[in-house]
Amino acid sequence: MQAILSFAYSFHKAPIAYYSCNVLLDDYTSIVVFYDTITTTADMWGQYSVTVFYNLVFNWVDIFYELISLYRSWEEREWTMIGKFIA
């Protein structure tokens, strides 16, 4: 009976697991595309370089704020926040 309940519970949670893993798959795909792009020559970067450029232009303030927060956490030895800011 416990095995049937365990299977039913996993079957019940299957859609949540699927959508959670689907987001992870999208993130992994983005990482692979980024790695493939930077390992080629610059003339092959194409549209991806434009996307990175726009992201840096419009998000430089957020990136700078995260770097300052990371540095302050490092000085104060807040190891949990350091991990959070690196992530």
PDB file of N, CA and C in Angstrom:
ATOM      1  N   MET A   1       0.821  -1.185   0.000  1.00  0.00           N
ATOM      2  CA  MET A   1       0.000   0.000   0.000  1.00  0.00           C
ATOM      3  C   MET A   1       0.873   1.261   0.000  1.00  0.00           C
ATOM      4  N   GLN A   2       1.986   1.209   0.738  1.00  0.00           N
ATOM      5  CA  GLN A   2       2.862   2.374   0.794  1.00  0.00           C
ATOM      6  C   GLN A   2       3.495   2.647  -0.575  1.00  0.00           C
ATOM      7  N   ALA A   3       3.806   1.597  -1.321  1.00  0.00           N
ATOM      8  CA  ALA A   3       4.371   1.770  -2.660  1.00  0.00           C
ATOM      9  C   ALA A   3       3.360   2.420  -3.595  1.00  0.00           C
ATOM     10  N   ILE A   4       2.112   2.044  -3.484  1.00  0.00           N
ATOM     11  CA  ILE A   4       1.061   2.642  -4.322  1.00  0.00           C
ATOM     12  C   ILE A   4       0.895   4.110  -3.979  1.00  0.00           C
ATOM     13  N   LEU A   5       0.909   4.437  -2.698  1.00  0.00           N
ATOM     14  CA  LEU A   5       0.790   5.841  -2.293  1.00  0.00           C
ATOM     15  C   LEU A   5       1.998   6.653  -2.754  1.00  0.00           C
ATOM     16  N   SER A   6       3.172   6.072  -2.674  1.00  0.00           N
ATOM     17  CA  SER A   6       4.379   6.759  -3.121  1.00  0.00           C
ATOM     18  C   SER A   6       4.326   7.032  -4.622  1.00  0.00           C
ATOM     19  N   PHE A   7       3.889   6.030  -5.390  1.00  0.00           N
ATOM     20  CA  PHE A   7       3.754   6.219  -6.834  1.00  0.00           C
ATOM     21  C   PHE A   7       2.702   7.267  -7.150  1.00  0.00           C
ATOM     22  N   ALA A   8       1.578   7.232  -6.447  1.00  0.00           N
ATOM     23  CA  ALA A   8       0.513   8.205  -6.682  1.00  0.00           C
ATOM     24  C   ALA A   8       0.994   9.616  -6.363  1.00  0.00           C
ATOM     25  N   TYR A   9       1.761   9.757  -5.308  1.00  0.00           N
ATOM     26  CA  TYR A   9       2.295  11.066  -4.949  1.00  0.00           C
ATOM     27  C   TYR A   9       3.258  11.574  -6.014  1.00  0.00           C
ATOM     28  N   SER A  10       4.129  10.706  -6.502  1.00  0.00           N
ATOM     29  CA  SER A  10       5.065  11.131  -7.547  1.00  0.00           C
ATOM     30  C   SER A  10       4.329  11.458  -8.840  1.00  0.00           C
ATOM     31  N   PHE A  11       3.293  10.706  -9.145  1.00  0.00           N
ATOM     32  CA  PHE A  11       2.493  10.989 -10.339  1.00  0.00           C
ATOM     33  C   PHE A  11       1.769  12.321 -10.189  1.00  0.00           C
ATOM     34  N   HIS A  12       1.315  12.609  -8.968  1.00  0.00           N
ATOM     35  CA  HIS A  12       0.636  13.874  -8.683  1.00  0.00           C
ATOM     36  C   HIS A  12       1.593  15.060  -8.837  1.00  0.00           C
ATOM     37  N   LYS A  13       2.828  14.897  -8.449  1.00  0.00           N
ATOM     38  CA  LYS A  13       3.818  15.982  -8.517  1.00  0.00           C
ATOM     39  C   LYS A  13       4.558  16.048  -9.851  1.00  0.00           C
ATOM     40  N   ALA A  14       4.265  15.171 -10.776  1.00  0.00           N
ATOM     41  CA  ALA A  14       4.970  15.124 -12.063  1.00  0.00           C
ATOM     42  C   ALA A  14       4.890  16.441 -12.842  1.00  0.00           C
ATOM     43  N   PRO A  15       3.724  17.103 -12.948  1.00  0.00           N
ATOM     44  CA  PRO A  15       3.705  18.374 -13.695  1.00  0.00           C
ATOM     45  C   PRO A  15       4.594  19.448 -13.082  1.00  0.00           C
ATOM     46  N   ILE A  16       4.633  19.517 -11.761  1.00  0.00           N
ATOM     47  CA  ILE A  16       5.482  20.512 -11.102  1.00  0.00           C
ATOM     48  C   ILE A  16       6.956  20.204 -11.380  1.00  0.00           C
ATOM     49  N   ALA A  17       7.314  18.949 -11.296  1.00  0.00           N
ATOM     50  CA  ALA A  17       8.695  18.553 -11.578  1.00  0.00           C
ATOM     51  C   ALA A  17       9.051  18.835 -13.029  1.00  0.00           C
ATOM     52  N   TYR A  18       8.122  18.578 -13.938  1.00  0.00           N
ATOM     53  CA  TYR A  18       8.381  18.819 -15.356  1.00  0.00           C
ATOM     54  C   TYR A  18       8.646  20.294 -15.615  1.00  0.00           C
ATOM     55  N   TYR A  19       7.791  21.167 -15.113  1.00  0.00           N
ATOM     56  CA  TYR A  19       7.975  22.599 -15.366  1.00  0.00           C
ATOM     57  C   TYR A  19       9.206  23.150 -14.654  1.00  0.00           C
ATOM     58  N   SER A  20       9.536  22.620 -13.492  1.00  0.00           N
ATOM     59  CA  SER A  20      10.756  23.053 -12.803  1.00  0.00           C
ATOM     60  C   SER A  20      11.991  22.632 -13.585  1.00  0.00           C
ATOM     61  N   CYS A  21      12.002  21.418 -14.085  1.00  0.00           N
ATOM     62  CA  CYS A  21      13.151  20.925 -14.849  1.00  0.00           C
ATOM     63  C   CYS A  21      13.228  21.574 -16.229  1.00  0.00           C
ATOM     64  N   ASN A  22      12.095  21.974 -16.770  1.00  0.00           N
ATOM     65  CA  ASN A  22      12.080  22.639 -18.066  1.00  0.00           C
ATOM     66  C   ASN A  22      12.816  23.978 -17.993  1.00  0.00           C
ATOM     67  N   VAL A  23      12.647  24.697 -16.893  1.00  0.00           N
ATOM     68  CA  VAL A  23      13.369  25.955 -16.692  1.00  0.00           C
ATOM     69  C   VAL A  23      14.866  25.682 -16.599  1.00  0.00           C
ATOM     70  N   LEU A  24      15.234  24.627 -15.898  1.00  0.00           N
ATOM     71  CA  LEU A  24      16.642  24.246 -15.776  1.00  0.00           C
ATOM     72  C   LEU A  24      17.226  23.889 -17.140  1.00  0.00           C
ATOM     73  N   LEU A  25      16.458  23.204 -17.958  1.00  0.00           N
ATOM     74  CA  LEU A  25      16.917  22.851 -19.300  1.00  0.00           C
ATOM     75  C   LEU A  25      17.164  24.099 -20.140  1.00  0.00           C
ATOM     76  N   ASP A  26      16.292  25.094 -20.011  1.00  0.00           N
ATOM     77  CA  ASP A  26      16.476  26.350 -20.736  1.00  0.00           C
ATOM     78  C   ASP A  26      17.747  27.064 -20.277  1.00  0.00           C
ATOM     79  N   ASP A  27      17.996  27.083 -18.974  1.00  0.00           N
ATOM     80  CA  ASP A  27      19.225  27.694 -18.454  1.00  0.00           C
ATOM     81  C   ASP A  27      20.461  26.950 -18.948  1.00  0.00           C
ATOM     82  N   TYR A  28      20.406  25.631 -18.933  1.00  0.00           N
ATOM     83  CA  TYR A  28      21.536  24.830 -19.404  1.00  0.00           C
ATOM     84  C   TYR A  28      21.792  25.083 -20.893  1.00  0.00           C
ATOM     85  N   THR A  29      20.735  25.182 -21.668  1.00  0.00           N
ATOM     86  CA  THR A  29      20.880  25.458 -23.098  1.00  0.00           C
ATOM     87  C   THR A  29      21.544  26.815 -23.315  1.00  0.00           C
ATOM     88  N   SER A  30      21.155  27.805 -22.524  1.00  0.00           N
ATOM     89  CA  SER A  30      21.777  29.127 -22.643  1.00  0.00           C
ATOM     90  C   SER A  30      23.263  29.073 -22.318  1.00  0.00           C
ATOM     91  N   ILE A  31      23.637  28.306 -21.311  1.00  0.00           N
ATOM     92  CA  ILE A  31      25.051  28.176 -20.941  1.00  0.00           C
ATOM     93  C   ILE A  31      25.834  27.504 -22.064  1.00  0.00           C
ATOM     94  N   VAL A  32      25.265  26.466 -22.656  1.00  0.00           N
ATOM     95  CA  VAL A  32      25.943  25.764 -23.750  1.00  0.00           C
ATOM     96  C   VAL A  32      26.105  26.674 -24.962  1.00  0.00           C
ATOM     97  N   VAL A  33      25.074  27.446 -25.301  1.00  0.00           N
ATOM     98  CA  VAL A  33      25.162  28.376 -26.431  1.00  0.00           C
ATOM     99  C   VAL A  33      26.228  29.428 -26.150  1.00  0.00           C
ATOM    100  N   PHE A  34      26.283  29.945 -24.915  1.00  0.00           N
ATOM    101  CA  PHE A  34      27.298  30.926 -24.560  1.00  0.00           C
ATOM    102  C   PHE A  34      28.697  30.334 -24.695  1.00  0.00           C
ATOM    103  N   TYR A  35      28.896  29.132 -24.176  1.00  0.00           N
ATOM    104  CA  TYR A  35      30.208  28.491 -24.275  1.00  0.00           C
ATOM    105  C   TYR A  35      30.594  28.244 -25.735  1.00  0.00           C
ATOM    106  N   ASP A  36      29.665  27.738 -26.524  1.00  0.00           N
ATOM    107  CA  ASP A  36      29.954  27.503 -27.942  1.00  0.00           C
ATOM    108  C   ASP A  36      30.297  28.793 -28.664  1.00  0.00           C
ATOM    109  N   THR A  37      29.641  29.881 -28.269  1.00  0.00           N
ATOM    110  CA  THR A  37      29.887  31.163 -28.914  1.00  0.00           C
ATOM    111  C   THR A  37      31.267  31.700 -28.579  1.00  0.00           C
ATOM    112  N   ILE A  38      31.653  31.662 -27.296  1.00  0.00           N
ATOM    113  CA  ILE A  38      32.943  32.263 -26.931  1.00  0.00           C
ATOM    114  C   ILE A  38      34.123  31.397 -27.342  1.00  0.00           C
ATOM    115  N   THR A  39      33.893  30.140 -27.677  1.00  0.00           N
ATOM    116  CA  THR A  39      35.007  29.301 -28.114  1.00  0.00           C
ATOM    117  C   THR A  39      35.240  29.381 -29.613  1.00  0.00           C
ATOM    118  N   THR A  40      34.400  30.124 -30.328  1.00  0.00           N
ATOM    119  CA  THR A  40      34.623  30.332 -31.757  1.00  0.00           C
ATOM    120  C   THR A  40      35.320  31.672 -31.958  1.00  0.00           C
ATOM    121  N   THR A  41      35.675  31.967 -33.175  1.00  0.00           N
ATOM    122  CA  THR A  41      36.307  33.250 -33.464  1.00  0.00           C
ATOM    123  C   THR A  41      35.282  34.370 -33.389  1.00  0.00           C
ATOM    124  N   ALA A  42      35.762  35.589 -33.211  1.00  0.00           N
ATOM    125  CA  ALA A  42      34.870  36.741 -33.021  1.00  0.00           C
ATOM    126  C   ALA A  42      33.986  37.008 -34.231  1.00  0.00           C
ATOM    127  N   ASP A  43      34.443  36.681 -35.416  1.00  0.00           N
ATOM    128  CA  ASP A  43      33.611  36.932 -36.596  1.00  0.00           C
ATOM    129  C   ASP A  43      32.425  35.973 -36.688  1.00  0.00           C
ATOM    130  N   MET A  44      32.413  34.917 -35.867  1.00  0.00           N
ATOM    131  CA  MET A  44      31.300  33.971 -35.862  1.00  0.00           C
ATOM    132  C   MET A  44      30.271  34.265 -34.766  1.00  0.00           C
ATOM    133  N   TRP A  45      30.492  35.292 -33.951  1.00  0.00           N
ATOM    134  CA  TRP A  45      29.598  35.563 -32.827  1.00  0.00           C
ATOM    135  C   TRP A  45      28.226  36.035 -33.284  1.00  0.00           C
ATOM    136  N   GLY A  46      28.168  36.864 -34.304  1.00  0.00           N
ATOM    137  CA  GLY A  46      26.908  37.265 -34.904  1.00  0.00           C
ATOM    138  C   GLY A  46      25.923  37.917 -33.952  1.00  0.00           C
ATOM    139  N   GLN A  47      24.675  37.474 -34.006  1.00  0.00           N
ATOM    140  CA  GLN A  47      23.594  38.074 -33.236  1.00  0.00           C
ATOM    141  C   GLN A  47      23.799  37.918 -31.733  1.00  0.00           C
ATOM    142  N   TYR A  48      24.500  36.886 -31.315  1.00  0.00           N
ATOM    143  CA  TYR A  48      24.707  36.679 -29.882  1.00  0.00           C
ATOM    144  C   TYR A  48      25.530  37.811 -29.275  1.00  0.00           C
ATOM    145  N   SER A  49      26.498  38.340 -30.002  1.00  0.00           N
ATOM    146  CA  SER A  49      27.295  39.451 -29.486  1.00  0.00           C
ATOM    147  C   SER A  49      26.441  40.703 -29.316  1.00  0.00           C
ATOM    148  N   VAL A  50      25.480  40.898 -30.210  1.00  0.00           N
ATOM    149  CA  VAL A  50      24.569  42.040 -30.088  1.00  0.00           C
ATOM    150  C   VAL A  50      23.716  41.880 -28.832  1.00  0.00           C
ATOM    151  N   THR A  51      23.233  40.692 -28.580  1.00  0.00           N
ATOM    152  CA  THR A  51      22.428  40.433 -27.383  1.00  0.00           C
ATOM    153  C   THR A  51      23.231  40.691 -26.114  1.00  0.00           C
ATOM    154  N   VAL A  52      24.467  40.208 -26.073  1.00  0.00           N
ATOM    155  CA  VAL A  52      25.325  40.433 -24.907  1.00  0.00           C
ATOM    156  C   VAL A  52      25.601  41.925 -24.745  1.00  0.00           C
ATOM    157  N   PHE A  53      25.861  42.618 -25.845  1.00  0.00           N
ATOM    158  CA  PHE A  53      26.121  44.055 -25.782  1.00  0.00           C
ATOM    159  C   PHE A  53      24.926  44.805 -25.204  1.00  0.00           C
ATOM    160  N   TYR A  54      23.721  44.524 -25.698  1.00  0.00           N
ATOM    161  CA  TYR A  54      22.525  45.194 -25.182  1.00  0.00           C
ATOM    162  C   TYR A  54      22.297  44.867 -23.711  1.00  0.00           C
ATOM    163  N   ASN A  55      22.527  43.621 -23.314  1.00  0.00           N
ATOM    164  CA  ASN A  55      22.363  43.266 -21.909  1.00  0.00           C
ATOM    165  C   ASN A  55      23.345  44.019 -21.031  1.00  0.00           C
ATOM    166  N   LEU A  56      24.583  44.166 -21.482  1.00  0.00           N
ATOM    167  CA  LEU A  56      25.570  44.916 -20.699  1.00  0.00           C
ATOM    168  C   LEU A  56      25.237  46.398 -20.645  1.00  0.00           C
ATOM    169  N   VAL A  57      24.770  46.964 -21.745  1.00  0.00           N
ATOM    170  CA  VAL A  57      24.433  48.391 -21.774  1.00  0.00           C
ATOM    171  C   VAL A  57      23.273  48.693 -20.835  1.00  0.00           C
ATOM    172  N   PHE A  58      22.234  47.881 -20.900  1.00  0.00           N
ATOM    173  CA  PHE A  58      21.042  48.185 -20.118  1.00  0.00           C
ATOM    174  C   PHE A  58      21.090  47.653 -18.691  1.00  0.00           C
ATOM    175  N   ASN A  59      22.009  46.761 -18.381  1.00  0.00           N
ATOM    176  CA  ASN A  59      22.071  46.178 -17.036  1.00  0.00           C
ATOM    177  C   ASN A  59      23.354  46.499 -16.296  1.00  0.00           C
ATOM    178  N   TRP A  60      24.164  47.436 -16.787  1.00  0.00           N
ATOM    179  CA  TRP A  60      25.449  47.691 -16.156  1.00  0.00           C
ATOM    180  C   TRP A  60      25.292  48.216 -14.732  1.00  0.00           C
ATOM    181  N   VAL A  61      24.228  48.951 -14.458  1.00  0.00           N
ATOM    182  CA  VAL A  61      24.021  49.467 -13.106  1.00  0.00           C
ATOM    183  C   VAL A  61      23.757  48.310 -12.143  1.00  0.00           C
ATOM    184  N   ASP A  62      22.922  47.370 -12.539  1.00  0.00           N
ATOM    185  CA  ASP A  62      22.638  46.207 -11.689  1.00  0.00           C
ATOM    186  C   ASP A  62      23.893  45.363 -11.475  1.00  0.00           C
ATOM    187  N   ILE A  63      24.671  45.176 -12.521  1.00  0.00           N
ATOM    188  CA  ILE A  63      25.907  44.400 -12.399  1.00  0.00           C
ATOM    189  C   ILE A  63      26.881  45.093 -11.446  1.00  0.00           C
ATOM    190  N   PHE A  64      27.009  46.402 -11.587  1.00  0.00           N
ATOM    191  CA  PHE A  64      27.896  47.170 -10.717  1.00  0.00           C
ATOM    192  C   PHE A  64      27.429  47.091  -9.263  1.00  0.00           C
ATOM    193  N   TYR A  65      26.114  47.194  -9.038  1.00  0.00           N
ATOM    194  CA  TYR A  65      25.571  47.091  -7.682  1.00  0.00           C
ATOM    195  C   TYR A  65      25.859  45.718  -7.079  1.00  0.00           C
ATOM    196  N   GLU A  66      25.702  44.671  -7.876  1.00  0.00           N
ATOM    197  CA  GLU A  66      25.994  43.320  -7.386  1.00  0.00           C
ATOM    198  C   GLU A  66      27.477  43.173  -7.040  1.00  0.00           C
ATOM    199  N   LEU A  67      28.351  43.748  -7.849  1.00  0.00           N
ATOM    200  CA  LEU A  67      29.784  43.669  -7.557  1.00  0.00           C
ATOM    201  C   LEU A  67      30.143  44.413  -6.275  1.00  0.00           C
ATOM    202  N   ILE A  68      29.538  45.579  -6.059  1.00  0.00           N
ATOM    203  CA  ILE A  68      29.785  46.327  -4.824  1.00  0.00           C
ATOM    204  C   ILE A  68      29.273  45.543  -3.628  1.00  0.00           C
ATOM    205  N   SER A  69      28.081  44.965  -3.755  1.00  0.00           N
ATOM    206  CA  SER A  69      27.519  44.161  -2.662  1.00  0.00           C
ATOM    207  C   SER A  69      28.382  42.942  -2.382  1.00  0.00           C
ATOM    208  N   LEU A  70      28.903  42.318  -3.432  1.00  0.00           N
ATOM    209  CA  LEU A  70      29.795  41.174  -3.259  1.00  0.00           C
ATOM    210  C   LEU A  70      31.065  41.584  -2.531  1.00  0.00           C
ATOM    211  N   TYR A  71      31.639  42.720  -2.887  1.00  0.00           N
ATOM    212  CA  TYR A  71      32.854  43.199  -2.238  1.00  0.00           C
ATOM    213  C   TYR A  71      32.611  43.503  -0.758  1.00  0.00           C
ATOM    214  N   ARG A  72      31.475  44.147  -0.456  1.00  0.00           N
ATOM    215  CA  ARG A  72      31.157  44.445   0.949  1.00  0.00           C
ATOM    216  C   ARG A  72      30.946  43.161   1.750  1.00  0.00           C
ATOM    217  N   SER A  73      30.293  42.195   1.142  1.00  0.00           N
ATOM    218  CA  SER A  73      30.100  40.914   1.828  1.00  0.00           C
ATOM    219  C   SER A  73      31.438  40.228   2.076  1.00  0.00           C
ATOM    220  N   TRP A  74      32.342  40.351   1.125  1.00  0.00           N
ATOM    221  CA  TRP A  74      33.668  39.756   1.286  1.00  0.00           C
ATOM    222  C   TRP A  74      34.415  40.408   2.443  1.00  0.00           C
ATOM    223  N   GLU A  75      34.327  41.738   2.541  1.00  0.00           N
ATOM    224  CA  GLU A  75      35.009  42.439   3.631  1.00  0.00           C
ATOM    225  C   GLU A  75      34.432  42.079   4.992  1.00  0.00           C
ATOM    226  N   GLU A  76      33.116  41.861   5.045  1.00  0.00           N
ATOM    227  CA  GLU A  76      32.458  41.549   6.317  1.00  0.00           C
ATOM    228  C   GLU A  76      32.419  40.050   6.597  1.00  0.00           C
ATOM    229  N   ARG A  77      32.965  39.241   5.705  1.00  0.00           N
ATOM    230  CA  ARG A  77      33.033  37.787   5.844  1.00  0.00           C
ATOM    231  C   ARG A  77      31.642  37.153   6.000  1.00  0.00           C
ATOM    232  N   GLU A  78      30.685  37.654   5.220  1.00  0.00           N
ATOM    233  CA  GLU A  78      29.345  37.079   5.206  1.00  0.00           C
ATOM    234  C   GLU A  78      29.300  36.033   4.097  1.00  0.00           C
ATOM    235  N   TRP A  79      29.649  34.810   4.449  1.00  0.00           N
ATOM    236  CA  TRP A  79      29.854  33.763   3.453  1.00  0.00           C
ATOM    237  C   TRP A  79      28.566  33.395   2.718  1.00  0.00           C
ATOM    238  N   THR A  80      27.440  33.422   3.404  1.00  0.00           N
ATOM    239  CA  THR A  80      26.178  33.104   2.745  1.00  0.00           C
ATOM    240  C   THR A  80      25.851  34.141   1.685  1.00  0.00           C
ATOM    241  N   MET A  81      26.041  35.396   1.990  1.00  0.00           N
ATOM    242  CA  MET A  81      25.744  36.457   1.013  1.00  0.00           C
ATOM    243  C   MET A  81      26.739  36.433  -0.143  1.00  0.00           C
ATOM    244  N   ILE A  82      27.970  36.057   0.125  1.00  0.00           N
ATOM    245  CA  ILE A  82      28.950  35.946  -0.957  1.00  0.00           C
ATOM    246  C   ILE A  82      28.490  34.904  -1.961  1.00  0.00           C
ATOM    247  N   GLY A  83      28.048  33.756  -1.470  1.00  0.00           N
ATOM    248  CA  GLY A  83      27.527  32.724  -2.370  1.00  0.00           C
ATOM    249  C   GLY A  83      26.311  33.188  -3.142  1.00  0.00           C
ATOM    250  N   LYS A  84      25.449  33.943  -2.469  1.00  0.00           N
ATOM    251  CA  LYS A  84      24.239  34.457  -3.133  1.00  0.00           C
ATOM    252  C   LYS A  84      24.604  35.445  -4.227  1.00  0.00           C
ATOM    253  N   PHE A  85      25.522  36.357  -3.945  1.00  0.00           N
ATOM    254  CA  PHE A  85      25.891  37.351  -4.960  1.00  0.00           C
ATOM    255  C   PHE A  85      26.660  36.739  -6.117  1.00  0.00           C
ATOM    256  N   ILE A  86      27.450  35.718  -5.863  1.00  0.00           N
ATOM    257  CA  ILE A  86      28.151  35.040  -6.965  1.00  0.00           C
ATOM    258  C   ILE A  86      27.148  34.324  -7.849  1.00  0.00           C
ATOM    259  N   ALA A  87      26.169  33.692  -7.219  1.00  0.00           N
ATOM    260  CA  ALA A  87      25.136  32.973  -8.009  1.00  0.00           C
ATOM    261  C   ALA A  87      24.324  33.958  -8.808  1.00  0.00           C
TER     262      ALA A  87
END
